N, C-alpha and C. Protein backbone atom coordinates (compact mmCIF):
# COMPACT_ATOMS: atom_id res chain seq x y z
N UNK A 1 105.71 116.85 6.07
CA UNK A 1 105.76 118.19 5.62
C UNK A 1 107.04 118.94 5.98
N UNK A 2 107.80 119.61 5.02
CA UNK A 2 108.93 120.57 5.35
C UNK A 2 108.42 122.00 5.52
N UNK A 3 109.40 122.65 6.32
CA UNK A 3 108.83 123.98 6.50
C UNK A 3 109.25 124.99 5.25
N UNK A 4 109.99 124.29 4.45
CA UNK A 4 110.24 125.18 3.46
C UNK A 4 109.44 124.83 1.85
N UNK A 5 108.57 123.78 2.14
CA UNK A 5 107.49 123.59 1.22
C UNK A 5 106.50 124.50 1.17
N UNK A 6 105.94 125.15 0.28
CA UNK A 6 105.04 126.22 0.35
C UNK A 6 103.65 125.38 0.49
N UNK A 7 102.65 125.90 1.14
CA UNK A 7 101.44 125.17 1.23
C UNK A 7 100.67 125.03 -0.19
N UNK A 8 100.04 123.97 -0.32
CA UNK A 8 99.51 123.77 -1.65
C UNK A 8 98.29 124.40 -1.76
N UNK A 9 97.74 125.03 -2.90
CA UNK A 9 96.58 125.58 -2.94
C UNK A 9 95.22 124.87 -2.39
N UNK A 10 95.32 123.48 -2.74
CA UNK A 10 94.35 122.55 -2.22
C UNK A 10 93.89 122.68 -0.94
N UNK A 11 95.15 123.01 -0.08
CA UNK A 11 95.09 122.92 1.30
C UNK A 11 94.33 124.12 1.79
N UNK A 12 94.78 125.26 1.09
CA UNK A 12 94.07 126.58 1.38
C UNK A 12 92.77 126.94 1.30
N UNK A 13 92.26 126.10 0.02
CA UNK A 13 90.84 125.95 -0.46
C UNK A 13 90.12 125.40 0.51
N UNK A 14 90.55 124.04 0.88
CA UNK A 14 89.93 123.33 2.10
C UNK A 14 89.62 124.14 3.39
N UNK A 15 90.73 124.80 3.84
CA UNK A 15 90.82 125.58 5.07
C UNK A 15 89.37 126.61 4.86
N UNK A 16 89.52 127.47 3.87
CA UNK A 16 88.53 128.24 3.62
C UNK A 16 86.95 127.59 3.52
N UNK A 17 86.97 126.65 2.85
CA UNK A 17 85.70 125.93 2.88
C UNK A 17 85.29 125.73 4.47
N UNK A 18 86.21 125.09 4.94
CA UNK A 18 85.98 124.58 6.45
C UNK A 18 85.67 125.66 7.38
N UNK A 19 86.33 126.98 7.15
CA UNK A 19 86.02 128.11 7.65
C UNK A 19 84.62 128.59 7.77
N UNK A 20 84.28 128.80 6.31
CA UNK A 20 82.86 129.31 5.94
C UNK A 20 81.83 128.32 6.40
N UNK A 21 82.22 127.00 6.46
CA UNK A 21 81.30 126.11 6.87
C UNK A 21 81.02 126.21 8.64
N UNK A 22 82.16 126.56 9.18
CA UNK A 22 82.10 126.79 10.82
C UNK A 22 81.44 128.11 10.99
N UNK A 23 81.69 129.03 10.21
CA UNK A 23 80.91 130.27 10.61
C UNK A 23 79.29 130.28 10.08
N UNK A 24 79.04 129.59 9.23
CA UNK A 24 77.74 129.35 8.92
C UNK A 24 77.11 128.42 10.03
N UNK A 25 77.68 127.41 10.40
CA UNK A 25 77.21 126.55 11.55
C UNK A 25 77.01 127.31 12.80
N UNK A 26 77.93 128.13 13.39
CA UNK A 26 77.87 128.84 14.53
C UNK A 26 76.74 130.14 14.51
N UNK A 27 76.53 130.69 13.33
CA UNK A 27 75.56 131.63 12.95
C UNK A 27 74.16 131.12 13.08
N UNK A 28 73.88 129.97 12.48
CA UNK A 28 72.67 128.99 12.29
C UNK A 28 72.49 128.60 13.77
N UNK A 29 73.43 128.39 14.41
CA UNK A 29 73.30 127.55 15.68
C UNK A 29 72.78 128.82 16.73
N UNK A 30 73.43 130.05 16.65
CA UNK A 30 73.12 131.02 17.36
C UNK A 30 71.68 131.57 17.20
N UNK A 31 71.15 131.40 15.80
CA UNK A 31 69.85 131.84 15.46
C UNK A 31 68.68 130.91 15.99
N UNK A 32 69.27 129.78 16.32
CA UNK A 32 68.21 128.56 16.72
C UNK A 32 68.33 129.01 18.35
N UNK A 33 69.30 129.05 18.94
CA UNK A 33 69.66 129.09 20.38
C UNK A 33 68.74 130.37 20.78
N UNK A 34 68.84 131.54 20.19
CA UNK A 34 68.40 132.92 20.85
C UNK A 34 67.45 133.42 20.16
N UNK A 35 66.56 132.36 19.25
CA UNK A 35 65.41 133.10 18.65
C UNK A 35 64.26 133.53 19.39
N UNK A 36 63.60 134.37 19.35
CA UNK A 36 62.30 134.84 20.07
C UNK A 36 61.24 134.31 20.13
N UNK A 37 60.92 133.54 18.97
CA UNK A 37 59.76 133.06 19.05
C UNK A 37 59.60 131.59 19.29
N UNK A 38 58.42 130.85 19.58
CA UNK A 38 58.35 129.48 20.02
C UNK A 38 59.03 128.22 19.39
N UNK A 39 60.40 128.12 19.60
CA UNK A 39 61.19 127.15 19.05
C UNK A 39 61.30 126.01 20.13
N UNK A 40 60.92 124.79 19.66
CA UNK A 40 60.95 123.65 20.25
C UNK A 40 62.32 123.56 21.06
N UNK A 41 62.72 122.77 22.17
CA UNK A 41 63.46 122.71 22.99
C UNK A 41 64.61 121.84 22.32
N UNK A 42 64.34 120.96 21.45
CA UNK A 42 65.15 120.08 20.52
C UNK A 42 65.73 120.89 19.58
N UNK A 43 65.37 121.74 18.93
CA UNK A 43 65.81 122.66 18.00
C UNK A 43 66.91 123.70 18.71
N UNK A 44 66.40 124.08 19.93
CA UNK A 44 67.60 124.83 20.86
C UNK A 44 68.75 123.91 21.06
N UNK A 45 68.49 122.67 21.29
CA UNK A 45 69.44 121.80 21.48
C UNK A 45 70.42 121.54 20.56
N UNK A 46 69.94 121.16 19.49
CA UNK A 46 70.62 121.27 18.05
C UNK A 46 71.46 122.38 17.84
N UNK A 47 70.88 123.73 17.90
CA UNK A 47 71.66 125.00 17.74
C UNK A 47 72.78 125.05 18.65
N UNK A 48 72.91 124.59 19.83
CA UNK A 48 74.07 124.62 20.87
C UNK A 48 75.25 123.62 20.40
N UNK A 49 74.67 122.39 19.66
CA UNK A 49 75.47 121.58 19.26
C UNK A 49 76.08 122.16 17.86
N UNK A 50 75.23 122.89 17.03
CA UNK A 50 75.95 123.46 15.82
C UNK A 50 76.92 124.59 16.16
N UNK A 51 76.87 125.25 17.16
CA UNK A 51 77.83 126.12 17.76
C UNK A 51 78.95 125.44 18.37
N UNK A 52 78.94 124.55 19.06
CA UNK A 52 80.00 123.63 19.65
C UNK A 52 81.02 123.22 18.31
N UNK A 53 80.24 122.44 17.47
CA UNK A 53 80.90 122.00 16.39
C UNK A 53 81.51 122.84 15.41
N UNK A 54 80.91 124.16 15.20
CA UNK A 54 81.47 124.96 14.51
C UNK A 54 82.78 125.67 15.10
N UNK A 55 82.85 125.81 16.35
CA UNK A 55 84.11 126.09 17.07
C UNK A 55 85.06 125.28 16.81
N UNK A 56 84.75 124.05 17.02
CA UNK A 56 85.78 122.81 16.95
C UNK A 56 86.20 122.56 15.69
N UNK A 57 85.31 123.00 14.48
CA UNK A 57 85.74 122.46 13.18
C UNK A 57 86.71 123.94 12.75
N UNK A 58 86.39 124.94 13.21
CA UNK A 58 87.45 126.13 12.96
C UNK A 58 88.65 126.05 13.67
N UNK A 59 88.81 125.37 14.72
CA UNK A 59 89.99 124.88 15.49
C UNK A 59 90.96 123.95 14.65
N UNK A 60 90.02 122.82 14.35
CA UNK A 60 90.64 121.67 13.76
C UNK A 60 91.30 122.00 12.33
N UNK A 61 90.46 122.98 11.62
CA UNK A 61 91.05 123.66 10.19
C UNK A 61 92.19 124.41 10.37
N UNK A 62 92.16 125.13 11.41
CA UNK A 62 93.52 126.24 11.63
C UNK A 62 94.73 125.24 11.79
N UNK A 63 94.45 124.23 12.69
CA UNK A 63 95.61 123.32 13.34
C UNK A 63 96.02 122.77 11.96
N UNK A 64 95.22 122.18 11.18
CA UNK A 64 95.59 121.39 10.07
C UNK A 64 96.21 121.99 8.72
N UNK A 65 95.80 123.52 8.75
CA UNK A 65 96.32 124.31 7.73
C UNK A 65 97.71 124.62 8.28
N UNK A 66 98.11 124.31 9.57
CA UNK A 66 99.49 124.45 9.82
C UNK A 66 100.32 123.26 9.30
N UNK A 67 99.81 122.25 8.76
CA UNK A 67 100.32 121.07 8.36
C UNK A 67 100.44 119.81 9.39
N UNK A 68 99.47 119.82 10.40
CA UNK A 68 99.58 118.70 11.55
C UNK A 68 98.64 117.55 10.93
N UNK A 69 99.15 116.39 10.57
CA UNK A 69 98.31 115.58 10.06
C UNK A 69 97.05 114.93 11.05
N UNK A 70 97.55 114.93 12.34
CA UNK A 70 96.58 114.53 13.24
C UNK A 70 95.26 115.39 13.24
N UNK A 71 95.53 116.48 13.13
CA UNK A 71 94.32 117.48 12.96
C UNK A 71 93.56 117.46 11.82
N UNK A 72 94.39 117.23 10.86
CA UNK A 72 93.74 116.92 9.40
C UNK A 72 92.75 115.70 9.47
N UNK A 73 93.37 114.77 10.21
CA UNK A 73 92.24 113.48 10.26
C UNK A 73 91.27 114.02 10.94
N UNK A 74 91.48 114.34 12.19
CA UNK A 74 90.26 114.78 13.24
C UNK A 74 89.24 115.82 12.32
N UNK A 75 89.85 116.68 11.59
CA UNK A 75 88.88 117.48 10.85
C UNK A 75 88.04 116.92 9.83
N UNK A 76 88.56 115.84 8.95
CA UNK A 76 87.89 115.07 8.03
C UNK A 76 86.96 113.99 9.00
N UNK A 77 87.02 113.67 10.05
CA UNK A 77 86.31 112.85 10.83
C UNK A 77 85.03 113.46 11.23
N UNK A 78 85.28 114.71 11.79
CA UNK A 78 84.22 115.64 12.05
C UNK A 78 83.40 115.78 10.83
N UNK A 79 84.04 116.16 9.68
CA UNK A 79 83.42 116.62 8.73
C UNK A 79 82.33 115.55 8.37
N UNK A 80 82.79 114.17 8.15
CA UNK A 80 81.93 113.21 7.67
C UNK A 80 80.65 113.03 8.89
N UNK A 81 81.09 113.13 10.11
CA UNK A 81 80.06 113.13 11.20
C UNK A 81 78.84 114.24 11.27
N UNK A 82 79.42 115.23 10.74
CA UNK A 82 78.59 116.61 10.54
C UNK A 82 77.88 116.40 9.29
N UNK A 83 78.30 115.90 8.16
CA UNK A 83 77.58 115.48 7.09
C UNK A 83 76.24 114.62 7.49
N UNK A 84 76.35 113.70 8.03
CA UNK A 84 75.36 112.90 8.45
C UNK A 84 74.23 113.96 9.21
N UNK A 85 74.85 114.31 10.16
CA UNK A 85 73.71 115.39 10.95
C UNK A 85 73.04 116.33 10.37
N UNK A 86 73.85 116.89 9.56
CA UNK A 86 73.50 118.16 8.62
C UNK A 86 72.35 117.64 7.64
N UNK A 87 72.36 116.19 6.96
CA UNK A 87 71.74 115.74 6.15
C UNK A 87 70.38 115.67 6.68
N UNK A 88 70.49 114.96 7.92
CA UNK A 88 69.19 114.61 8.63
C UNK A 88 68.61 115.80 9.30
N UNK A 89 69.32 116.90 9.67
CA UNK A 89 68.67 118.04 9.93
C UNK A 89 68.02 118.80 8.96
N UNK A 90 68.62 118.88 7.69
CA UNK A 90 68.05 119.70 6.63
C UNK A 90 66.86 118.79 6.32
N UNK A 91 66.65 117.43 6.29
CA UNK A 91 65.30 116.74 6.10
C UNK A 91 64.47 117.09 6.97
N UNK A 92 64.83 117.20 8.24
CA UNK A 92 63.71 117.53 9.47
C UNK A 92 63.24 118.89 9.23
N UNK A 93 64.01 119.96 9.06
CA UNK A 93 63.59 121.27 8.98
C UNK A 93 63.37 121.76 7.72
N UNK A 94 63.54 121.01 6.39
CA UNK A 94 63.41 121.50 4.97
C UNK A 94 64.34 122.74 5.19
N UNK A 95 65.35 123.04 5.53
CA UNK A 95 66.00 124.05 5.12
C UNK A 95 67.37 123.78 4.40
N UNK A 96 67.35 124.73 3.40
CA UNK A 96 68.23 124.50 2.18
C UNK A 96 69.73 125.14 2.79
N UNK A 97 69.71 125.95 3.93
CA UNK A 97 71.11 126.61 4.48
C UNK A 97 71.80 125.63 4.70
N UNK A 98 71.40 124.55 5.60
CA UNK A 98 72.02 123.36 6.15
C UNK A 98 72.77 122.65 4.83
N UNK A 99 72.14 122.33 4.16
CA UNK A 99 73.01 121.89 2.48
C UNK A 99 73.79 122.53 2.07
N UNK A 100 73.88 123.98 2.22
CA UNK A 100 75.02 124.88 1.79
C UNK A 100 76.48 124.23 2.59
N UNK A 101 76.01 124.24 4.07
CA UNK A 101 76.98 124.08 4.89
C UNK A 101 77.47 122.41 4.61
N UNK A 102 76.70 121.76 4.35
CA UNK A 102 76.83 120.26 3.98
C UNK A 102 77.80 120.25 3.03
N UNK A 103 77.48 121.04 1.94
CA UNK A 103 78.38 120.97 0.73
C UNK A 103 79.81 121.49 0.95
N UNK A 104 80.04 122.43 1.62
CA UNK A 104 81.08 123.27 2.17
C UNK A 104 82.13 122.02 3.04
N UNK A 105 81.39 121.50 3.85
CA UNK A 105 82.14 120.54 4.74
C UNK A 105 82.41 119.15 4.11
N UNK A 106 81.74 118.90 3.15
CA UNK A 106 82.19 117.65 2.40
C UNK A 106 83.24 118.26 1.45
N UNK A 107 83.22 119.16 0.56
CA UNK A 107 84.06 119.67 0.00
C UNK A 107 85.34 119.84 0.39
N UNK A 108 85.45 120.35 1.62
CA UNK A 108 86.76 120.37 2.25
C UNK A 108 87.43 119.44 2.76
N UNK A 109 86.65 118.12 3.14
CA UNK A 109 87.16 116.89 3.43
C UNK A 109 87.60 116.07 2.19
N UNK A 110 87.02 116.31 0.97
CA UNK A 110 87.38 115.51 -0.18
C UNK A 110 88.77 116.37 -0.65
N UNK A 111 88.83 117.67 -0.48
CA UNK A 111 90.00 118.41 -0.95
C UNK A 111 91.32 117.96 -0.20
N UNK A 112 91.15 117.87 1.28
CA UNK A 112 92.39 117.81 1.75
C UNK A 112 92.96 116.57 1.74
N UNK A 113 91.77 115.61 1.43
CA UNK A 113 92.41 114.13 1.28
C UNK A 113 92.95 113.68 -0.30
N UNK A 114 93.08 114.76 -0.98
CA UNK A 114 93.55 114.45 -2.39
C UNK A 114 95.10 114.16 -2.39
N UNK A 115 95.52 113.56 -3.39
CA UNK A 115 96.91 113.10 -3.29
C UNK A 115 97.89 114.41 -3.33
N UNK A 116 97.55 115.76 -3.63
CA UNK A 116 98.38 116.59 -3.90
C UNK A 116 98.34 117.33 -2.35
N UNK A 117 97.44 117.16 -1.74
CA UNK A 117 97.41 117.69 -0.28
C UNK A 117 98.14 116.50 0.71
N UNK A 118 97.87 115.50 0.32
CA UNK A 118 98.32 114.38 1.27
C UNK A 118 99.76 114.50 1.24
N UNK A 119 100.57 114.53 -0.13
CA UNK A 119 101.97 114.40 -0.20
C UNK A 119 102.55 115.85 1.00
N UNK A 120 101.97 116.79 1.02
CA UNK A 120 102.43 117.84 1.90
C UNK A 120 102.27 117.63 3.28
N UNK A 121 101.29 116.74 3.53
CA UNK A 121 101.16 116.31 5.12
C UNK A 121 102.02 115.01 5.52
N UNK A 122 102.88 114.60 4.73
CA UNK A 122 103.68 113.67 4.98
C UNK A 122 105.04 113.91 5.39
N UNK A 123 105.42 113.29 6.59
CA UNK A 123 106.72 113.71 7.17
C UNK A 123 107.76 113.68 6.19
N UNK A 124 108.94 114.38 6.67
CA UNK A 124 110.23 114.17 5.91
C UNK A 124 110.77 112.75 5.89
N UNK A 125 111.51 112.45 4.70
CA UNK A 125 111.95 110.97 4.63
C UNK A 125 113.13 110.84 5.46
N UNK A 126 113.91 112.16 5.90
CA UNK A 126 115.12 111.98 6.58
C UNK A 126 114.61 111.58 7.97
N UNK A 127 113.57 112.40 8.63
CA UNK A 127 113.22 112.09 9.78
C UNK A 127 112.56 110.73 10.16
N UNK A 128 112.07 110.00 9.00
CA UNK A 128 111.44 108.57 9.01
C UNK A 128 112.42 107.52 9.16
N UNK A 129 113.68 107.90 8.62
CA UNK A 129 114.57 106.94 8.50
C UNK A 129 115.41 106.71 9.98
N UNK A 130 115.72 105.50 10.43
CA UNK A 130 116.15 105.34 11.70
C UNK A 130 117.61 105.40 11.84
N UNK A 131 118.41 105.89 12.50
CA UNK A 131 119.72 106.08 12.63
C UNK A 131 120.44 104.57 12.48
N UNK A 132 121.49 104.68 11.68
CA UNK A 132 122.10 103.56 11.55
C UNK A 132 123.55 103.55 12.05
């Protein structure tokens, strides 16, 4: 990526999907952890997991928006892991909110791996050439 190239729109859309998913994850996790009713310990633990994973996802999304390909790969890997966990948790709880988060996470992961976004993350050809 060069500093003069503008960020593709597809990268910005992926960032905002990741950010919305991270906010929903953290809000859902906070509701699970701090609910007043009788909530099983397992659900409170999963709520803590959602809070931490939402914070990590927002950090990785922000760094990948800046053009760092390592953080993009890490955000995609976290998105895939979250997709599996969210699918299992939505089946266990019969909650549709988790499916919305799942859709946002997977949409962002797919968008950031599209060819238009991948070209932006590639390093300059001049810096990749060895000095002769």
